[in-house]
Amino acid sequence: MDALTAVDAASDAAQVARGDVLQTAYFGSPDAHVEKLLSFSALPPGARLLDVGCGVGGVAERFAKERPDLDITLLNFSQKQLDLCPPAFRKVLASAESTGLDEQFDAVLFTSALCQMDAVPALREALRLLAPGGHVIVADMEFETDTPMPGLFAHWRDEQGWVDTFRLGGFAVQESYTEPHDDSHFRAMLPDAGWLDMAKMKFWKLRRRNPIDHHERVAFQFSGGKDSTAALLALRDYWPKMVVYWTDTGDLLPETYEFVAAVASRVPNFVRIQSDSRAVRSEYGDPYDVVLGSSSWVASGLTGAPRSNDQYSCCYLSIMQPMHQRMVADGMTLLVKGQKQADANKGTLPDGAISEDGFELYFPLATWTDDDVLGFLRAIGLELPAYYESMKSAPDCASCTAWWGDGRGEYLARKHPAVYAEVSKKLRAHRDSLLGRIAMLDAELGDF
């Protein structure tokens, strides 16, 4: 008898013995067990959940009753079990090891199921389907010793065995939970169930395993801002393995230099890359959030207008390009950044993607918020530069004319009046140019 035949044959008997929540053991009643599992899962609002090896849908049905906002997909290799699931759910007939799905989920759930699968390939498939910041939730039995049970088409593991399995599947344990359980229903189905005395029901929440563990050439992209500083400090244990790269644009505020120097003195492998943002601006024009076509790098040669550039291109030429060229030259394979999903200005590639430069990307703060970052830095007693009292982010160039709305003008006027005089003169001239064009635009949009 193969596993599918066994699952199909056992489905009816299991429902008679255990109802529609097909678990090896319960924390209390079946309803209480699922309620605890839902609470432990801590799913975000509107989460997309994939229930792998879903049984007859009892767990999913209770999840949906308590959290109607959840978008739940049921996956099973047994058509018989899928047919017994509530009709309201989307159902996928596939194996856990090769789902054929091409989408992402905020959480992947295995409830008394991973023990009956080829666990490592199933976890790797879950890893492929997991959205950045997502988790895998496992509910299964942990034994005192490794316990393969081929007659039950199951393989239960001891504590280290599960941890090793999760690791090989690409995950690390973020947290776990256990309490005394009731397995009387399962014992009643078995002729000799004394081996269950060595087991306990357990919940695990798994996160992606830190990819630093799998790379020998690890680059950390340091900007001197709060996010990259928090990420760097959170990865303190990995400092000996990382090279921290920082681009000195040659146009930084004194307090930035002071802060970066303090960080660099603590990090064993710190690489300072010298660039010249003023030279970049001299060639391509000052950066602005809104650039007139007549003042672009090409058009200014025809119109005679002062040359200007968009802020992203300027930052790329002044900061990112020289930094990444050095990382490529140094043979780096993993790039660690302090990028967050909540950032307004961020790259389009997600955590775990491969960049054009060939780096695997790792964003350890992907799910953090600004409040999380500031709270973390306060908790470890780190004092940020004074400009964070007015500004949302650290200035990469003191005399930058872009990134409006960041509070830079107020801070420069108060702390660095000479720099503010230089910047505000250019901004006023640029504003006058924009107003003239806006007047022309308004004329085109008049009431005709």
Protein backbone atom coordinates (compact mmCIF):
# COMPACT_ATOMS: atom_id res chain seq x y z
CA MET A 1 0.00 0.00 0.00
CA ASP A 2 1.36 3.42 -0.89
CA ALA A 3 0.94 6.65 1.09
CA LEU A 4 -1.95 7.98 -1.02
CA THR A 5 -3.93 4.74 -0.74
CA ALA A 6 -3.29 4.71 3.01
CA VAL A 7 -4.44 8.32 3.42
CA ASP A 8 -7.60 7.70 1.43
CA ALA A 9 -8.35 4.53 3.36
CA ALA A 10 -7.79 6.19 6.71
CA SER A 11 -9.80 9.34 5.99
CA ASP A 12 -13.21 7.97 6.97
CA ALA A 13 -11.89 6.17 10.07
CA ALA A 14 -9.97 9.22 11.15
CA GLN A 15 -13.05 11.42 10.89
CA VAL A 16 -15.03 8.99 13.03
CA ALA A 17 -12.32 8.97 15.69
CA ARG A 18 -11.18 12.59 15.52
CA GLY A 19 -13.80 14.64 13.73
CA ASP A 20 -12.68 17.06 11.02
CA VAL A 21 -9.55 18.36 12.80
CA LEU A 22 -7.16 15.58 11.84
CA GLN A 23 -4.33 16.06 14.33
CA THR A 24 -2.20 13.48 16.09
CA ALA A 25 -2.79 15.23 19.42
CA TYR A 26 -4.65 18.25 20.74
CA PHE A 27 -3.93 20.99 23.23
CA GLY A 28 -7.28 20.55 24.95
CA SER A 29 -10.27 20.06 22.68
CA PRO A 30 -9.98 20.21 18.86
CA ASP A 31 -11.52 23.69 18.88
CA ALA A 32 -9.18 24.90 21.63
CA HIS A 33 -6.22 23.37 19.80
CA VAL A 34 -6.99 25.24 16.57
CA GLU A 35 -7.65 28.46 18.49
CA LYS A 36 -4.19 28.21 20.07
CA LEU A 37 -2.64 27.45 16.69
CA LEU A 38 -4.30 30.50 15.15
CA SER A 39 -3.10 32.72 17.98
CA PHE A 40 0.43 31.29 17.73
CA SER A 41 0.48 31.88 13.96
CA ALA A 42 -0.11 35.64 14.43
CA LEU A 43 -1.18 36.07 10.81
CA PRO A 44 -1.28 39.65 9.52
CA PRO A 45 -4.56 41.17 8.26
CA GLY A 46 -5.57 39.77 4.89
CA ALA A 47 -2.83 37.15 4.98
CA ARG A 48 -2.59 34.64 2.16
CA LEU A 49 -2.36 31.21 3.81
CA LEU A 50 -1.49 27.91 2.15
CA ASP A 51 -2.62 24.89 4.19
CA VAL A 52 -0.41 22.03 2.98
CA GLY A 53 -1.69 18.55 3.68
CA CYS A 54 -4.94 20.15 4.75
CA GLY A 55 -6.77 16.96 5.75
CA VAL A 56 -10.51 17.54 5.36
CA GLY A 57 -10.28 21.28 5.98
CA GLY A 58 -11.26 21.40 9.65
CA VAL A 59 -8.36 23.64 10.67
CA ALA A 60 -8.89 25.99 7.73
CA GLU A 61 -12.62 26.21 8.41
CA ARG A 62 -12.04 27.27 12.01
CA PHE A 63 -9.34 29.74 10.97
CA ALA A 64 -11.75 31.31 8.49
CA LYS A 65 -14.55 31.51 11.05
CA GLU A 66 -12.34 33.45 13.48
CA ARG A 67 -10.47 35.39 10.78
CA PRO A 68 -12.71 35.93 7.73
CA ASP A 69 -10.08 38.30 6.33
CA LEU A 70 -7.73 35.40 5.60
CA ASP A 71 -7.27 34.18 2.02
CA ILE A 72 -6.86 30.43 2.50
CA THR A 73 -5.82 27.88 -0.12
CA LEU A 74 -6.03 24.15 0.63
CA LEU A 75 -3.44 21.80 -0.88
CA ASN A 76 -3.56 18.02 -0.70
CA PHE A 77 -2.37 15.08 -2.80
CA SER A 78 -5.57 13.22 -1.92
CA GLN A 79 -8.58 14.06 -4.06
CA LYS A 80 -10.75 12.21 -1.59
CA GLN A 81 -9.71 14.50 1.26
CA LEU A 82 -10.13 17.61 -0.90
CA ASP A 83 -13.65 16.46 -1.78
CA LEU A 84 -14.43 16.28 1.94
CA CYS A 85 -13.19 19.85 2.53
CA PRO A 86 -15.66 22.74 2.82
CA PRO A 87 -16.60 24.02 -0.66
CA ALA A 88 -15.83 27.67 0.16
CA PHE A 89 -12.07 27.22 -0.13
CA ARG A 90 -9.84 27.21 -3.16
CA LYS A 91 -8.44 23.68 -3.49
CA VAL A 92 -5.25 22.50 -5.18
CA LEU A 93 -4.56 18.84 -5.93
CA ALA A 94 -0.78 18.51 -5.80
CA SER A 95 2.07 17.10 -3.76
CA ALA A 96 3.69 19.23 -1.07
CA GLU A 97 7.08 18.66 -2.67
CA SER A 98 6.02 20.00 -6.08
CA THR A 99 2.91 22.15 -5.90
CA GLY A 100 3.05 23.65 -9.37
CA LEU A 101 1.96 26.98 -7.86
CA ASP A 102 3.48 30.23 -9.07
CA GLU A 103 2.42 32.71 -6.41
CA GLN A 104 3.41 33.84 -2.94
CA PHE A 105 1.84 33.28 0.45
CA ASP A 106 2.29 35.12 3.72
CA ALA A 107 2.22 31.85 5.64
CA VAL A 108 2.45 28.15 4.84
CA LEU A 109 0.84 25.76 7.31
CA PHE A 110 1.68 22.10 8.01
CA THR A 111 -0.56 20.55 10.71
CA SER A 112 0.27 16.92 11.55
CA ALA A 113 1.34 16.69 7.92
CA LEU A 114 5.07 17.32 7.58
CA CYS A 115 5.79 14.04 9.37
CA GLN A 116 4.08 12.22 6.49
CA MET A 117 5.93 14.02 3.71
CA ASP A 118 9.40 14.09 2.26
CA ALA A 119 9.99 16.93 4.68
CA VAL A 120 13.03 18.71 3.24
CA PRO A 121 11.71 19.00 -0.34
CA ALA A 122 8.32 20.04 1.06
CA LEU A 123 9.95 22.79 3.11
CA ARG A 124 12.03 23.95 0.16
CA GLU A 125 8.86 24.23 -1.89
CA ALA A 126 7.28 26.22 0.95
CA LEU A 127 10.35 28.46 0.93
CA ARG A 128 9.87 29.09 -2.79
CA LEU A 129 6.24 30.07 -2.24
CA LEU A 130 6.82 32.21 0.85
CA ALA A 131 6.46 35.98 0.50
CA PRO A 132 9.20 38.18 1.98
CA GLY A 133 8.74 38.34 5.72
CA GLY A 134 6.44 35.32 5.71
CA HIS A 135 6.55 32.30 8.00
CA VAL A 136 6.00 28.58 7.94
CA ILE A 137 3.86 27.20 10.78
CA VAL A 138 4.32 23.57 11.76
CA ALA A 139 2.22 21.58 14.25
CA ASP A 140 3.53 18.09 14.79
CA MET A 141 4.83 15.56 17.31
CA GLU A 142 8.33 15.82 18.75
CA PHE A 143 9.73 12.56 20.14
CA GLU A 144 12.53 11.86 22.58
CA THR A 145 14.39 9.99 19.83
CA ASP A 146 14.16 9.88 16.05
CA THR A 147 11.04 7.81 15.31
CA PRO A 148 10.43 6.66 11.74
CA MET A 149 7.17 4.74 11.43
CA PRO A 150 7.02 3.33 7.89
CA GLY A 151 3.87 1.36 8.70
CA LEU A 152 2.10 4.68 9.31
CA PHE A 153 3.93 6.41 6.43
CA ALA A 154 5.29 8.83 9.03
CA HIS A 155 8.65 10.00 10.31
CA TRP A 156 8.63 11.83 13.62
CA ARG A 157 11.82 13.42 14.90
CA ASP A 158 13.40 14.45 18.15
CA GLU A 159 14.07 18.11 18.91
CA GLN A 160 17.40 18.28 17.08
CA GLY A 161 16.04 16.17 14.24
CA TRP A 162 13.29 18.70 13.58
CA VAL A 163 15.74 21.61 13.82
CA ASP A 164 18.07 19.92 11.33
CA THR A 165 15.17 19.17 8.99
CA PHE A 166 14.03 22.78 9.12
CA ARG A 167 17.60 23.92 8.46
CA LEU A 168 17.98 21.66 5.42
CA GLY A 169 14.67 23.00 4.17
CA GLY A 170 15.97 26.58 4.39
CA PHE A 171 14.43 27.62 7.71
CA ALA A 172 15.32 28.42 11.28
CA VAL A 173 13.04 28.24 14.30
CA GLN A 174 11.80 31.67 15.30
CA GLU A 175 9.68 30.44 18.21
CA SER A 176 7.96 27.29 19.46
CA TYR A 177 5.21 26.31 21.86
CA THR A 178 4.13 23.18 23.70
CA GLU A 179 1.96 22.16 26.64
CA PRO A 180 0.45 18.88 27.89
CA HIS A 181 -1.63 17.31 25.15
CA ASP A 182 -4.43 14.81 24.67
CA ASP A 183 -3.72 11.99 22.20
CA SER A 184 -6.36 9.53 23.40
CA HIS A 185 -8.19 9.57 20.06
CA PHE A 186 -5.00 8.60 18.22
CA ARG A 187 -4.10 5.87 20.71
CA ALA A 188 -7.60 4.40 20.28
CA MET A 189 -6.88 3.84 16.57
CA LEU A 190 -3.63 1.92 17.16
CA PRO A 191 -3.15 -1.62 18.50
CA ASP A 192 0.00 -0.70 20.44
CA ALA A 193 0.50 2.99 21.11
CA GLY A 194 2.98 2.88 23.97
CA TRP A 195 5.57 4.62 21.80
CA LEU A 196 3.44 7.78 22.03
CA ASP A 197 4.59 8.09 25.66
CA MET A 198 7.83 9.52 24.26
CA ALA A 199 6.11 12.26 22.27
CA LYS A 200 4.72 15.75 22.74
CA MET A 201 2.70 17.98 20.43
CA LYS A 202 4.55 21.13 19.46
CA PHE A 203 4.06 24.27 17.37
CA TRP A 204 6.97 25.84 15.49
CA LYS A 205 7.10 29.18 13.69
CA LEU A 206 9.85 29.11 11.08
CA ARG A 207 11.57 32.01 9.36
CA ARG A 208 13.93 31.95 6.43
CA ARG A 209 17.33 30.77 7.56
CA ASN A 210 19.97 33.48 7.58
CA PRO A 211 21.70 33.22 4.19
CA ILE A 212 24.93 34.56 5.72
CA ASP A 213 25.45 31.01 6.95
CA HIS A 214 25.73 29.83 3.34
CA HIS A 215 28.06 32.44 1.84
CA GLU A 216 31.78 32.96 2.27
CA ARG A 217 31.85 36.42 0.64
CA VAL A 218 29.31 38.61 2.41
CA ALA A 219 28.95 42.34 1.70
CA PHE A 220 27.03 44.69 3.97
CA GLN A 221 25.81 47.93 2.37
CA PHE A 222 26.19 50.68 4.98
CA SER A 223 24.77 54.16 4.41
CA GLY A 224 25.27 55.66 7.85
CA GLY A 225 21.50 55.92 8.27
CA LYS A 226 19.33 54.46 11.00
CA ASP A 227 18.15 51.41 9.04
CA SER A 228 21.54 50.17 7.90
CA THR A 229 22.93 50.88 11.37
CA ALA A 230 20.16 48.84 13.01
CA ALA A 231 20.66 45.97 10.56
CA LEU A 232 24.41 46.01 11.13
CA LEU A 233 24.06 45.96 14.90
CA ALA A 234 21.40 43.24 14.75
CA LEU A 235 23.92 41.08 12.84
CA ARG A 236 26.76 41.68 15.30
CA ASP A 237 27.49 37.95 15.58
CA TYR A 238 28.27 37.87 11.86
CA TRP A 239 30.69 40.81 11.78
CA PRO A 240 33.80 38.63 11.41
CA LYS A 241 32.32 37.13 8.27
CA MET A 242 31.05 40.37 6.67
CA VAL A 243 32.76 43.21 4.86
CA VAL A 244 31.00 46.51 5.52
CA TYR A 245 31.09 48.90 2.55
CA TRP A 246 30.43 52.62 2.85
CA THR A 247 30.65 55.30 0.16
CA ASP A 248 32.04 58.66 1.21
CA THR A 249 30.55 61.11 -1.27
CA GLY A 250 33.00 63.83 -0.24
CA ASP A 251 30.08 66.10 0.70
CA LEU A 252 28.91 64.98 4.12
CA LEU A 253 27.94 66.85 7.24
CA PRO A 254 30.48 66.73 10.09
CA GLU A 255 28.02 64.85 12.29
CA THR A 256 27.71 62.15 9.62
CA TYR A 257 31.46 61.67 9.48
CA GLU A 258 31.56 61.48 13.27
CA PHE A 259 28.78 58.88 13.43
CA VAL A 260 30.25 56.71 10.66
CA ALA A 261 33.70 56.85 12.24
CA ALA A 262 32.24 55.60 15.52
CA VAL A 263 30.57 52.67 13.76
CA ALA A 264 33.64 51.88 11.65
CA SER A 265 35.80 51.70 14.77
CA ARG A 266 33.67 48.81 16.07
CA VAL A 267 33.47 46.77 12.87
CA PRO A 268 36.43 44.49 12.03
CA ASN A 269 36.12 44.71 8.22
CA PHE A 270 35.14 48.22 7.10
CA VAL A 271 35.81 49.46 3.57
CA ARG A 272 35.53 53.18 2.77
CA ILE A 273 34.96 53.95 -0.91
CA GLN A 274 35.72 57.50 -1.97
CA SER A 275 33.53 59.17 -4.57
CA ASP A 276 32.98 62.79 -5.55
CA SER A 277 29.31 63.78 -5.70
CA ARG A 278 30.15 67.38 -6.53
CA ALA A 279 31.99 66.18 -9.64
CA VAL A 280 28.97 64.05 -10.58
CA ARG A 281 26.69 67.08 -10.19
CA SER A 282 29.08 69.23 -12.18
CA GLU A 283 28.87 66.78 -15.08
CA TYR A 284 25.21 65.75 -14.94
CA GLY A 285 23.60 68.65 -13.10
CA ASP A 286 22.16 69.11 -9.64
CA PRO A 287 19.52 66.56 -8.64
CA TYR A 288 15.86 67.51 -8.18
CA ASP A 289 12.67 65.59 -7.49
CA VAL A 290 11.12 67.21 -10.59
CA VAL A 291 13.34 67.70 -13.62
CA LEU A 292 12.45 69.88 -16.59
CA GLY A 293 12.98 68.31 -19.96
CA SER A 294 14.76 71.44 -21.17
CA SER A 295 17.44 71.02 -18.49
CA SER A 296 18.19 67.32 -18.89
CA TRP A 297 21.73 66.26 -19.59
CA VAL A 298 21.12 66.12 -23.36
CA ALA A 299 18.64 68.98 -23.76
CA SER A 300 20.66 71.54 -21.81
CA GLY A 301 23.29 71.46 -24.55
CA LEU A 302 20.60 72.58 -26.98
CA THR A 303 18.56 74.94 -24.81
CA GLY A 304 21.32 76.51 -22.76
CA ALA A 305 19.32 75.84 -19.58
CA PRO A 306 21.24 74.84 -16.45
CA ARG A 307 21.74 71.09 -16.46
CA SER A 308 19.81 69.05 -13.87
CA ASN A 309 19.42 65.40 -12.99
CA ASP A 310 16.90 63.18 -11.21
CA GLN A 311 17.80 62.23 -7.64
CA TYR A 312 17.91 58.47 -8.27
CA SER A 313 20.48 58.76 -11.06
CA CYS A 314 22.59 61.13 -8.99
CA CYS A 315 22.61 58.77 -6.00
CA TYR A 316 23.41 55.83 -8.24
CA LEU A 317 26.37 57.56 -9.85
CA SER A 318 27.67 59.04 -6.60
CA ILE A 319 27.05 56.17 -4.16
CA MET A 320 25.71 52.89 -5.49
CA GLN A 321 27.77 52.44 -8.65
CA PRO A 322 31.21 52.82 -7.04
CA MET A 323 30.14 50.69 -4.08
CA HIS A 324 28.78 47.82 -6.15
CA GLN A 325 31.72 47.92 -8.55
CA ARG A 326 34.00 47.39 -5.56
CA MET A 327 31.82 44.56 -4.22
CA VAL A 328 31.93 42.81 -7.60
CA ALA A 329 35.70 43.26 -7.78
CA ASP A 330 36.00 41.74 -4.31
CA GLY A 331 34.01 38.68 -5.37
CA MET A 332 31.08 39.17 -3.02
CA THR A 333 28.12 36.80 -3.43
CA LEU A 334 25.66 37.98 -0.74
CA LEU A 335 24.54 41.59 -0.32
CA VAL A 336 22.99 42.55 3.03
CA LYS A 337 20.96 45.76 3.22
CA GLY A 338 18.81 47.53 5.79
CA GLN A 339 15.90 47.85 3.35
CA LYS A 340 12.38 47.52 4.76
CA GLN A 341 9.10 46.68 3.05
CA ALA A 342 7.65 49.84 4.57
CA ASP A 343 10.22 52.11 2.89
CA ALA A 344 8.81 54.59 0.40
CA ASN A 345 11.99 54.55 -1.67
CA LYS A 346 13.31 51.03 -2.13
CA GLY A 347 14.43 48.66 -4.82
CA THR A 348 11.98 46.42 -6.60
CA LEU A 349 13.81 43.15 -5.95
CA PRO A 350 12.56 41.23 -2.90
CA ASP A 351 14.51 39.61 -0.12
CA GLY A 352 16.21 36.50 -1.48
CA ALA A 353 16.28 37.65 -5.11
CA ILE A 354 19.43 37.75 -7.26
CA SER A 355 20.55 41.20 -8.40
CA GLU A 356 21.93 42.12 -11.81
CA ASP A 357 25.38 42.14 -10.22
CA GLY A 358 24.88 38.50 -9.24
CA PHE A 359 24.40 39.09 -5.50
CA GLU A 360 21.85 37.20 -3.46
CA LEU A 361 19.93 39.88 -1.55
CA TYR A 362 19.27 39.65 2.16
CA PHE A 363 17.11 42.23 3.98
CA PRO A 364 17.15 41.31 7.68
CA LEU A 365 14.83 44.23 8.53
CA ALA A 366 12.34 43.49 5.75
CA THR A 367 9.34 43.30 8.07
CA TRP A 368 10.42 46.07 10.45
CA THR A 369 8.83 49.51 10.66
CA ASP A 370 10.52 52.84 11.42
CA ASP A 371 9.24 52.52 14.98
CA ASP A 372 10.81 49.07 15.22
CA VAL A 373 14.16 50.47 14.09
CA LEU A 374 14.10 53.43 16.46
CA GLY A 375 12.94 51.23 19.33
CA PHE A 376 15.76 48.77 18.71
CA LEU A 377 18.39 51.52 18.61
CA ARG A 378 17.03 53.10 21.78
CA ALA A 379 17.02 49.74 23.52
CA ILE A 380 20.72 49.25 22.87
CA GLY A 381 21.50 52.84 23.88
CA LEU A 382 22.67 54.12 20.49
CA GLU A 383 22.41 57.87 19.98
CA LEU A 384 21.65 58.91 16.42
CA PRO A 385 23.00 62.12 14.85
CA ALA A 386 21.10 65.31 15.66
CA TYR A 387 19.62 65.63 12.17
CA TYR A 388 17.16 62.85 12.99
CA GLU A 389 15.38 65.37 15.21
CA SER A 390 14.23 67.12 12.01
CA MET A 391 14.90 64.70 9.16
CA LYS A 392 13.47 61.32 8.25
CA SER A 393 16.73 59.95 6.86
CA ALA A 394 20.45 60.58 6.91
CA PRO A 395 21.72 62.98 4.21
CA ASP A 396 24.20 61.30 1.87
CA CYS A 397 25.30 64.70 0.57
CA ALA A 398 25.16 67.89 2.64
CA SER A 399 24.45 70.13 -0.35
CA CYS A 400 21.93 67.82 -2.07
CA THR A 401 19.04 69.68 -3.71
CA ALA A 402 16.73 66.66 -3.94
CA TRP A 403 14.61 64.47 -1.65
CA TRP A 404 12.13 67.21 -0.82
CA GLY A 405 9.90 66.83 2.21
CA ASP A 406 12.60 65.21 4.32
CA GLY A 407 13.09 68.17 6.68
CA ARG A 408 16.57 68.94 5.38
CA GLY A 409 15.99 72.69 4.88
CA GLU A 410 14.97 73.37 8.47
CA TYR A 411 17.93 71.46 9.86
CA LEU A 412 20.49 73.06 7.54
CA ALA A 413 19.14 76.56 8.20
CA ARG A 414 19.47 75.98 11.93
CA LYS A 415 22.73 74.05 12.12
CA HIS A 416 24.60 74.73 8.87
CA PRO A 417 23.50 78.14 7.53
CA ALA A 418 26.29 78.37 4.93
CA VAL A 419 25.24 75.05 3.39
CA TYR A 420 21.59 76.09 3.54
CA ALA A 421 22.40 79.34 1.69
CA GLU A 422 23.99 77.34 -1.14
CA VAL A 423 21.16 74.82 -1.36
CA SER A 424 18.27 77.27 -0.98
CA LYS A 425 19.64 79.52 -3.73
CA LYS A 426 19.54 76.63 -6.18
CA LEU A 427 16.12 75.49 -4.99
CA ARG A 428 14.60 78.95 -5.42
CA ALA A 429 15.95 79.20 -8.96
CA HIS A 430 14.63 75.74 -9.75
CA ARG A 431 11.25 76.59 -8.26
CA ASP A 432 11.00 79.68 -10.46
CA SER A 433 11.70 77.53 -13.51
CA LEU A 434 9.04 75.06 -12.45
CA LEU A 435 6.45 77.78 -11.81
CA GLY A 436 6.89 79.04 -15.34
CA ARG A 437 6.29 75.58 -16.74
CA ILE A 438 3.35 74.96 -14.40
CA ALA A 439 1.74 78.17 -15.69
CA MET A 440 2.07 76.80 -19.22
CA LEU A 441 0.58 73.49 -18.08
CA ASP A 442 -2.34 75.29 -16.42
CA ALA A 443 -2.98 77.13 -19.67
CA GLU A 444 -3.27 73.78 -21.47
CA LEU A 445 -5.77 72.59 -18.87
CA GLY A 446 -8.03 75.62 -18.87
CA ASP A 447 -11.81 75.53 -19.19
CA PHE A 448 -12.26 75.49 -22.98
